[in-house]
Protein backbone atom coordinates (compact mmCIF):
# COMPACT_ATOMS: atom_id res chain seq x y z
CA UNK A 1 -34.58 48.19 -8.08
CA UNK A 2 -31.82 50.43 -6.82
CA UNK A 3 -28.44 50.40 -8.48
CA UNK A 4 -25.36 51.64 -6.63
CA UNK A 5 -21.74 51.83 -7.50
CA UNK A 6 -19.14 53.22 -5.16
CA UNK A 7 -15.70 54.58 -6.02
CA UNK A 8 -14.34 51.42 -4.34
CA UNK A 9 -16.38 49.23 -6.72
CA UNK A 10 -15.27 51.20 -9.72
CA UNK A 11 -11.66 51.01 -8.60
CA UNK A 12 -11.90 47.30 -7.98
CA UNK A 13 -13.44 46.74 -11.41
CA UNK A 14 -10.72 48.81 -13.06
CA UNK A 15 -8.00 46.88 -11.20
CA UNK A 16 -9.62 43.60 -12.05
CA UNK A 17 -9.78 44.55 -15.74
CA UNK A 18 -6.07 45.41 -15.66
CA UNK A 19 -5.17 42.13 -13.95
CA UNK A 20 -7.32 40.18 -16.37
CA UNK A 21 -5.48 41.80 -19.23
CA UNK A 22 -2.16 40.82 -17.63
CA UNK A 23 -3.39 37.24 -17.15
CA UNK A 24 -4.49 37.08 -20.78
CA UNK A 25 -0.99 38.18 -21.86
CA UNK A 26 0.65 35.67 -19.51
CA UNK A 27 -1.58 32.87 -20.76
CA UNK A 28 -0.79 33.69 -24.40
CA UNK A 29 2.92 33.71 -23.51
CA UNK A 30 2.62 30.32 -21.82
CA UNK A 31 0.96 28.89 -24.95
CA UNK A 32 3.68 30.27 -27.14
CA UNK A 33 6.47 28.85 -24.95
CA UNK A 34 4.68 25.51 -24.63
CA UNK A 35 4.28 25.27 -28.38
CA UNK A 36 8.01 25.95 -28.83
CA UNK A 37 8.83 23.15 -26.36
CA UNK A 38 6.38 20.83 -28.07
CA UNK A 39 8.21 21.27 -31.39
CA UNK A 40 10.66 18.36 -31.77
CA UNK A 41 13.06 20.59 -33.69
CA UNK A 42 13.44 22.63 -30.49
CA UNK A 43 13.41 19.88 -27.86
CA UNK A 44 13.85 16.17 -28.26
CA UNK A 45 14.35 13.25 -25.93
CA UNK A 46 12.29 11.02 -23.62
CA UNK A 47 11.07 13.90 -21.39
CA UNK A 48 10.38 16.08 -24.44
CA UNK A 49 8.32 13.27 -25.96
CA UNK A 50 6.37 12.90 -22.73
CA UNK A 51 5.78 16.64 -22.64
CA UNK A 52 4.73 16.78 -26.30
CA UNK A 53 2.40 13.78 -26.24
CA UNK A 54 0.94 13.64 -22.76
CA UNK A 55 1.47 16.80 -20.80
CA UNK A 56 1.29 19.70 -23.27
CA UNK A 57 -1.96 18.73 -25.07
CA UNK A 58 -3.92 18.77 -21.80
CA UNK A 59 -2.26 21.96 -20.52
CA UNK A 60 -2.72 23.65 -23.86
CA UNK A 61 -6.43 22.82 -23.84
CA UNK A 62 -6.74 24.13 -20.28
CA UNK A 63 -4.89 27.38 -21.18
CA UNK A 64 -7.09 27.82 -24.26
CA UNK A 65 -10.22 27.50 -22.14
CA UNK A 66 -8.73 29.90 -19.58
CA UNK A 67 -8.08 32.47 -22.30
CA UNK A 68 -11.70 32.23 -23.41
CA UNK A 69 -12.98 32.56 -19.83
CA UNK A 70 -10.67 35.48 -19.04
CA UNK A 71 -11.83 37.35 -22.13
CA UNK A 72 -15.48 36.78 -21.23
CA UNK A 73 -14.90 37.79 -17.57
CA UNK A 74 -13.14 40.93 -18.67
CA UNK A 75 -15.99 41.83 -20.99
CA UNK A 76 -18.58 41.24 -18.28
CA UNK A 77 -16.69 43.24 -15.62
CA UNK A 78 -16.34 46.18 -17.99
CA UNK A 79 -19.98 45.99 -19.09
CA UNK A 80 -21.39 45.71 -15.59
CA UNK A 81 -19.27 48.52 -14.27
CA UNK A 82 -20.28 50.82 -17.15
CA UNK A 83 -23.97 50.02 -16.81
CA UNK A 84 -23.89 50.45 -13.05
CA UNK A 85 -22.12 53.79 -13.34
CA UNK A 86 -24.62 54.99 -15.96
CA UNK A 87 -27.60 53.87 -13.88
CA UNK A 88 -26.28 55.56 -10.80
CA UNK A 89 -25.76 58.94 -12.45
């Protein structure tokens, strides 16, 4: 089986890795901000209660899963790009 990687593929993989890193940082920041809002010492009232009990738990779980998936995707992109580059040399 032939393995090929082009400079365009290597560039795309590098850019994707960078963007995945940015998304991981953004996701972590969203979790931190959401946790602050979910703390009744920071935000209280009917809308805060709705956020804390109904909205945030689901969003937090989704963001947690996204963090896991982004980390795995980043690992795979890096690994595939490295293996392809090694095989093509």
